[in-house]
Protein backbone atom coordinates (compact mmCIF):
# COMPACT_ATOMS: atom_id res chain seq x y z
CA MET A 1 81.23 127.49 127.34
CA SER A 2 81.90 124.66 124.86
CA ARG A 3 78.78 122.75 123.87
CA LEU A 4 80.61 120.21 121.70
CA LEU A 5 83.70 118.41 123.01
CA LYS A 6 86.15 116.80 120.59
CA LEU A 7 88.42 114.21 122.20
CA LYS A 8 91.95 112.98 121.63
CA PRO A 9 92.16 109.18 121.90
CA VAL A 10 94.60 107.19 124.02
CA PHE A 11 96.28 104.16 122.40
CA LYS A 12 97.28 100.89 124.06
CA GLU A 13 99.79 98.36 122.76
CA ARG A 14 98.71 94.73 123.08
CA ILE A 15 100.32 91.43 122.08
CA TRP A 16 97.27 90.74 119.91
CA GLY A 17 97.19 94.20 118.27
CA GLY A 18 98.21 95.28 114.78
CA THR A 19 98.06 98.30 112.47
CA ALA A 20 94.37 98.47 111.55
CA LEU A 21 93.84 101.57 113.69
CA LYS A 22 96.36 103.36 111.46
CA ASP A 23 95.28 101.67 108.22
CA SER A 24 91.54 102.24 108.72
CA PHE A 25 91.43 105.49 110.70
CA SER A 26 94.79 107.17 109.95
CA TYR A 27 95.64 107.35 113.64
CA GLU A 28 99.24 107.88 114.69
CA ILE A 29 99.74 104.68 116.65
CA PRO A 30 102.68 103.87 118.93
CA SER A 31 103.68 100.58 117.25
CA ASP A 32 102.63 97.76 114.93
CA GLN A 33 101.12 96.00 117.94
CA THR A 34 98.50 98.61 118.82
CA GLY A 35 95.34 96.91 119.97
CA GLU A 36 93.17 99.55 121.59
CA CYS A 37 92.03 103.10 120.94
CA TRP A 38 90.41 104.49 124.09
CA ALA A 39 88.34 106.99 122.17
CA ILE A 40 86.07 108.54 124.82
CA SER A 41 87.38 107.80 128.29
CA ALA A 42 87.57 109.37 131.73
CA HIS A 43 89.12 106.25 133.26
CA PRO A 44 92.43 106.87 135.08
CA ASN A 45 94.13 104.18 132.98
CA GLY A 46 93.48 106.18 129.80
CA ASN A 47 92.00 109.67 130.11
CA SER A 48 90.87 111.45 126.93
CA ILE A 49 92.02 115.04 126.42
CA ILE A 50 89.64 117.75 125.18
CA GLU A 51 90.92 119.12 121.85
CA ASN A 52 88.73 122.18 121.25
CA GLY A 53 87.27 125.26 122.84
CA LEU A 54 87.49 126.64 126.34
CA PHE A 55 88.57 123.34 127.90
CA ALA A 56 91.24 122.34 125.36
CA GLY A 57 94.01 120.43 127.11
CA LYS A 58 91.83 119.33 130.05
CA GLU A 59 91.16 115.67 130.83
CA LEU A 60 87.60 114.42 130.47
CA SER A 61 87.62 113.27 134.12
CA TRP A 62 88.47 116.83 135.22
CA LEU A 63 85.55 118.17 133.22
CA TRP A 64 83.25 115.59 134.80
CA ASP A 65 84.37 116.64 138.29
CA HIS A 66 84.34 120.41 137.75
CA HIS A 67 81.67 121.13 135.13
CA ARG A 68 78.86 118.65 135.69
CA GLU A 69 76.46 121.14 134.09
CA LEU A 70 77.83 119.94 130.74
CA PHE A 71 76.37 116.54 131.60
CA ASP A 72 73.02 117.79 132.95
CA GLN A 73 74.21 117.21 136.55
CA TYR A 74 74.19 113.46 135.86
CA GLU A 75 74.37 111.65 139.18
CA ALA A 76 77.37 109.31 139.22
CA GLU A 77 80.66 109.55 141.03
CA ARG A 78 82.60 108.85 137.84
CA PHE A 79 82.00 109.20 134.13
CA PRO A 80 79.88 106.12 133.38
CA LEU A 81 80.95 104.96 129.90
CA LEU A 82 84.06 104.19 127.87
CA THR A 83 84.20 103.97 124.06
CA LYS A 84 87.00 101.95 122.45
CA ILE A 85 88.03 100.74 119.02
CA LEU A 86 89.80 97.37 119.14
CA ASP A 87 92.10 95.89 116.49
CA ALA A 88 92.26 92.14 117.02
CA LYS A 89 95.01 91.15 114.61
CA LYS A 90 95.33 87.98 116.71
CA ASP A 91 92.93 86.26 119.09
CA LEU A 92 92.27 88.01 122.38
CA SER A 93 92.35 85.91 125.53
CA VAL A 94 89.14 84.20 126.59
CA GLN A 95 87.92 86.37 129.46
CA VAL A 96 85.02 87.49 131.62
CA HIS A 97 84.14 90.66 133.55
CA PRO A 98 82.52 91.04 136.98
CA ASP A 99 79.33 92.92 137.78
CA ASP A 100 79.27 96.09 139.89
CA HIS A 101 78.75 94.26 143.18
CA TYR A 102 81.67 91.83 142.73
CA ALA A 103 83.99 94.54 141.37
CA LYS A 104 83.24 96.86 144.28
CA GLU A 105 84.08 94.11 146.76
CA HIS A 106 87.15 92.63 145.01
CA GLU A 107 88.59 95.40 142.78
CA HIS A 108 88.95 98.45 145.01
CA SER A 109 85.49 99.83 144.18
CA GLU A 110 86.06 99.63 140.41
CA LEU A 111 82.88 99.44 138.34
CA GLY A 112 81.79 96.15 136.84
CA LYS A 113 81.95 95.78 133.09
CA THR A 114 79.02 95.17 130.81
CA GLU A 115 79.94 95.92 127.20
CA CYS A 116 78.79 95.62 123.61
CA TRP A 117 80.47 95.33 120.21
CA TYR A 118 79.75 96.82 116.80
CA ILE A 119 81.73 94.96 114.14
CA ILE A 120 83.30 97.68 111.96
CA ASP A 121 85.19 95.21 109.79
CA CYS A 122 86.44 91.65 109.84
CA GLN A 123 88.14 89.13 107.62
CA GLU A 124 86.10 86.59 105.72
CA ASP A 125 84.92 83.71 107.93
CA ALA A 126 85.84 85.62 111.10
CA GLU A 127 84.30 84.52 114.36
CA LEU A 128 84.19 85.39 118.03
CA VAL A 129 83.68 83.58 121.30
CA ILE A 130 80.57 84.49 123.26
CA GLY A 131 79.12 82.22 125.93
CA HIS A 132 79.66 78.58 126.88
CA HIS A 133 77.99 75.16 126.89
CA ALA A 134 78.45 74.13 130.53
CA ARG A 135 75.18 73.15 132.22
CA SER A 136 76.37 73.60 135.80
CA LYS A 137 79.13 75.33 137.75
CA ALA A 138 80.69 71.94 138.47
CA GLN A 139 80.81 71.10 134.76
CA LEU A 140 82.23 74.55 134.00
CA VAL A 141 85.04 74.05 136.52
CA GLN A 142 85.79 70.56 135.21
CA MET A 143 85.97 71.72 131.60
CA ILE A 144 88.21 74.69 132.46
CA HIS A 145 90.66 72.65 134.52
CA SER A 146 90.79 69.82 131.97
CA GLY A 147 91.36 72.25 129.08
CA GLY A 148 88.16 71.25 127.28
CA TRP A 149 87.95 74.56 125.47
CA GLU A 150 86.47 73.29 122.20
CA GLU A 151 83.58 71.69 124.07
CA LEU A 152 83.12 74.59 126.48
CA LEU A 153 83.24 77.72 124.30
CA ARG A 154 80.46 78.92 122.01
CA ARG A 155 81.82 80.34 118.75
CA VAL A 156 79.77 82.37 116.27
CA LYS A 157 80.52 83.62 112.75
CA ILE A 158 80.49 87.38 112.28
CA LYS A 159 80.32 89.97 109.51
CA PRO A 160 80.66 93.77 109.31
CA GLY A 161 77.66 95.54 110.82
CA ASP A 162 76.89 92.83 113.39
CA PHE A 163 76.19 93.87 116.98
CA PHE A 164 76.71 91.85 120.16
CA TYR A 165 75.66 92.58 123.74
CA VAL A 166 78.09 91.18 126.33
CA PRO A 167 76.77 91.54 129.89
CA SER A 168 79.04 91.00 132.87
CA GLY A 169 79.45 87.29 133.61
CA THR A 170 79.60 86.37 129.90
CA ILE A 171 82.72 84.46 128.84
CA HIS A 172 83.94 85.97 125.56
CA ALA A 173 86.81 86.74 123.19
CA LEU A 174 87.34 88.67 119.99
CA CYS A 175 89.19 86.57 117.41
CA GLU A 176 91.78 87.43 114.81
CA GLY A 177 91.00 89.72 111.90
CA THR A 178 88.35 91.79 113.68
CA LEU A 179 87.96 95.57 114.05
CA VAL A 180 85.36 96.49 116.66
CA LEU A 181 83.85 99.56 118.29
CA GLU A 182 83.15 98.73 121.92
CA THR A 183 80.82 100.61 124.24
CA GLN A 184 81.25 99.62 127.89
CA GLN A 185 80.98 100.65 131.48
CA SER A 186 83.99 102.71 132.51
CA SER A 187 86.01 99.83 133.93
CA ASP A 188 89.35 98.17 133.25
CA THR A 189 88.72 94.92 135.14
CA THR A 190 89.21 91.71 133.16
CA TYR A 191 89.55 88.12 134.39
CA ARG A 192 91.57 86.07 131.92
CA VAL A 193 90.38 82.45 131.63
CA TYR A 194 92.46 81.06 128.75
CA ASP A 195 95.26 82.57 126.67
CA TYR A 196 96.16 79.78 124.23
CA ASP A 197 99.37 79.12 126.23
CA ARG A 198 101.08 81.94 124.33
CA LEU A 199 104.05 83.90 125.66
CA ASP A 200 104.36 87.63 126.24
CA GLN A 201 107.33 89.78 125.19
CA ASN A 202 109.24 88.50 128.23
CA GLY A 203 108.77 84.90 127.17
CA GLU A 204 106.30 84.18 129.96
CA LYS A 205 102.66 83.10 129.96
CA ARG A 206 100.26 85.86 130.92
CA GLU A 207 98.51 85.59 134.27
CA LEU A 208 95.16 83.81 134.45
CA HIS A 209 92.48 84.72 137.00
CA LEU A 210 90.61 81.43 137.27
CA LYS A 211 89.17 81.72 140.78
CA LYS A 212 87.61 85.14 140.18
CA ALA A 213 86.52 84.13 136.67
CA ILE A 214 84.75 81.02 137.95
CA ASP A 215 83.11 83.14 140.65
CA VAL A 216 81.52 85.51 138.12
CA ILE A 217 80.80 83.40 134.99
CA THR A 218 77.05 83.05 134.52
CA VAL A 219 75.92 79.40 134.62
CA PRO A 220 73.90 78.21 132.82
CA ASP A 221 74.72 80.71 130.10
CA THR A 222 72.18 83.14 128.71
CA ILE A 223 72.59 84.25 125.11
CA HIS A 224 71.49 87.84 124.60
CA LYS A 225 70.43 88.20 120.97
CA SER A 226 70.40 91.67 119.52
CA SER A 227 67.25 92.75 117.70
CA PRO A 228 68.19 96.01 115.96
CA HIS A 229 65.39 98.35 114.98
CA THR A 230 66.03 100.66 112.00
CA TYR A 231 63.91 103.61 110.94
CA ASP A 232 64.22 106.83 108.96
CA HIS A 233 64.39 110.03 110.96
CA GLY A 234 64.38 112.82 108.40
CA PRO A 235 67.58 112.54 106.32
CA ALA A 236 69.14 110.08 108.82
CA ARG A 237 68.73 106.33 109.02
CA VAL A 238 68.79 105.41 112.71
CA THR A 239 69.38 101.92 114.06
CA THR A 240 68.72 101.22 117.73
CA TYR A 241 70.88 98.32 118.88
CA ILE A 242 70.20 98.29 122.60
CA GLU A 243 68.58 100.31 125.35
CA ASP A 244 69.96 98.89 128.58
CA LYS A 245 70.37 99.96 132.22
CA TYR A 246 74.04 100.78 131.55
CA PHE A 247 73.92 102.22 128.03
CA SER A 248 71.90 102.74 124.90
CA VAL A 249 73.66 102.40 121.54
CA TYR A 250 72.61 103.59 118.08
CA LYS A 251 73.98 103.96 114.58
CA TRP A 252 73.24 107.14 112.64
CA VAL A 253 73.71 107.21 108.87
CA VAL A 254 73.44 110.85 107.79
CA SER A 255 73.14 111.93 104.16
CA ALA A 256 71.99 115.58 104.48
CA ASP A 257 71.42 118.20 107.18
CA TYR A 258 70.13 116.28 110.20
CA HIS A 259 68.55 118.16 113.08
CA VAL A 260 69.57 116.16 116.14
CA LYS A 261 67.19 115.83 119.06
CA ARG A 262 69.34 115.24 122.12
CA HIS A 263 67.21 112.62 123.86
CA ALA A 264 69.63 112.04 126.76
CA PRO A 265 71.69 114.23 129.11
CA PHE A 266 74.70 113.88 126.79
CA LEU A 267 75.67 111.83 123.73
CA LEU A 268 78.97 110.07 122.96
CA CYS A 269 79.61 110.05 119.20
CA SER A 270 82.21 108.18 117.09
CA VAL A 271 82.51 108.75 113.35
CA ILE A 272 83.16 105.38 111.70
CA ASN A 273 82.84 106.60 108.11
CA GLY A 274 82.56 109.79 106.07
CA GLN A 275 83.10 113.45 106.89
CA GLY A 276 81.10 116.58 107.57
CA GLU A 277 80.45 118.93 110.44
CA ILE A 278 78.31 119.40 113.51
CA LYS A 279 76.88 122.75 114.61
CA SER A 280 75.34 123.93 117.86
CA GLU A 281 74.22 127.55 117.58
CA GLN A 282 77.44 129.41 116.64
CA GLU A 283 79.78 126.53 117.49
CA ILE A 284 80.98 124.37 114.57
CA LEU A 285 83.16 121.26 114.58
CA SER A 286 84.57 119.66 111.44
CA ILE A 287 84.40 115.89 111.84
CA LYS A 288 85.65 112.91 109.86
CA LYS A 289 86.15 109.17 110.11
CA GLY A 290 88.04 108.42 113.33
CA ASP A 291 86.85 111.49 115.24
CA HIS A 292 85.10 111.23 118.59
CA PHE A 293 83.07 113.91 120.33
CA ILE A 294 80.47 114.52 123.02
CA ILE A 295 77.27 116.48 122.49
CA THR A 296 76.84 118.05 125.93
CA ALA A 297 73.71 119.03 127.83
CA LEU A 298 74.28 122.66 126.82
CA ALA A 299 74.04 121.94 123.09
CA SER A 300 70.94 123.14 121.27
CA ASP A 301 69.89 123.62 117.64
CA ILE A 302 72.20 120.74 116.76
CA ILE A 303 72.72 120.02 113.05
CA LEU A 304 74.86 117.26 111.54
CA SER A 305 75.75 117.78 107.89
CA GLY A 306 77.75 115.82 105.31
CA LYS A 307 77.83 112.11 104.63
CA LEU A 308 78.49 110.40 107.94
CA GLU A 309 78.14 107.12 109.78
CA LEU A 310 78.32 107.37 113.55
CA ILE A 311 77.96 105.08 116.54
CA VAL A 312 76.20 107.03 119.29
CA SER A 313 75.69 106.08 122.92
CA HIS A 314 74.52 107.46 126.23
CA PRO A 315 74.09 106.12 129.78
């Protein structure tokens, strides 16, 4: 039985995408407009394939349904999280996501979408949109319908290593020149609020979802500031970014053999820099920048070795 699961990503072309996924991670991308790497996913719109061991060739969703012992019998109908890497060569649309209750009622029982971003890289003076300045729902509606985007949207400057928590109901957008690792609920529901009046490949404006967006946008807005906590854990430097009802997210910087204590039923791991290997008893995986793997509930005596930077999450 495989204790460590290495995953093959799924790539998505987007009108705002570019080539950073190839340039930074050496991925084989489908085109020069590749915006998303679905790195660890059991969502039907982009299901990761297991690359190693007994389950090689199987989809992650199949493993979730048929071998829940790998996930410590975690109680959820579907795999709860989705890890992505996003290349925003151009601005993403201004958008918002519903919570679980609204999504269940309006999106065929899809999960809601709370997410968070780790800024892997960005151009100088890059920024993103997170939150708004409307003081009431009526003012929000008026500003949206009048196109008062500069007055409505809250923009913040960003730099590599920044972390942002984006709960459902938060209006947001990644902006051009940004490479981000996103941890989110396993959902593909997005309500587009504003798309800069740009045209898609068919010469048409992309659909907006204003009624649903206005329904779910939090008013007045609440800014959720991240307060990372960093500490040394043996030869690893561990940063805790968030411990939330939907996910907990950490960064591990490993410089020598690191004995991992699996403090959750299973761990989702993405290598954002370096190379090395991970061992669990007699099972060994070579890992490098751009690799994604799951440490399952069956893993024990886990050792990470090499020089590695990872983003790690669990539900």
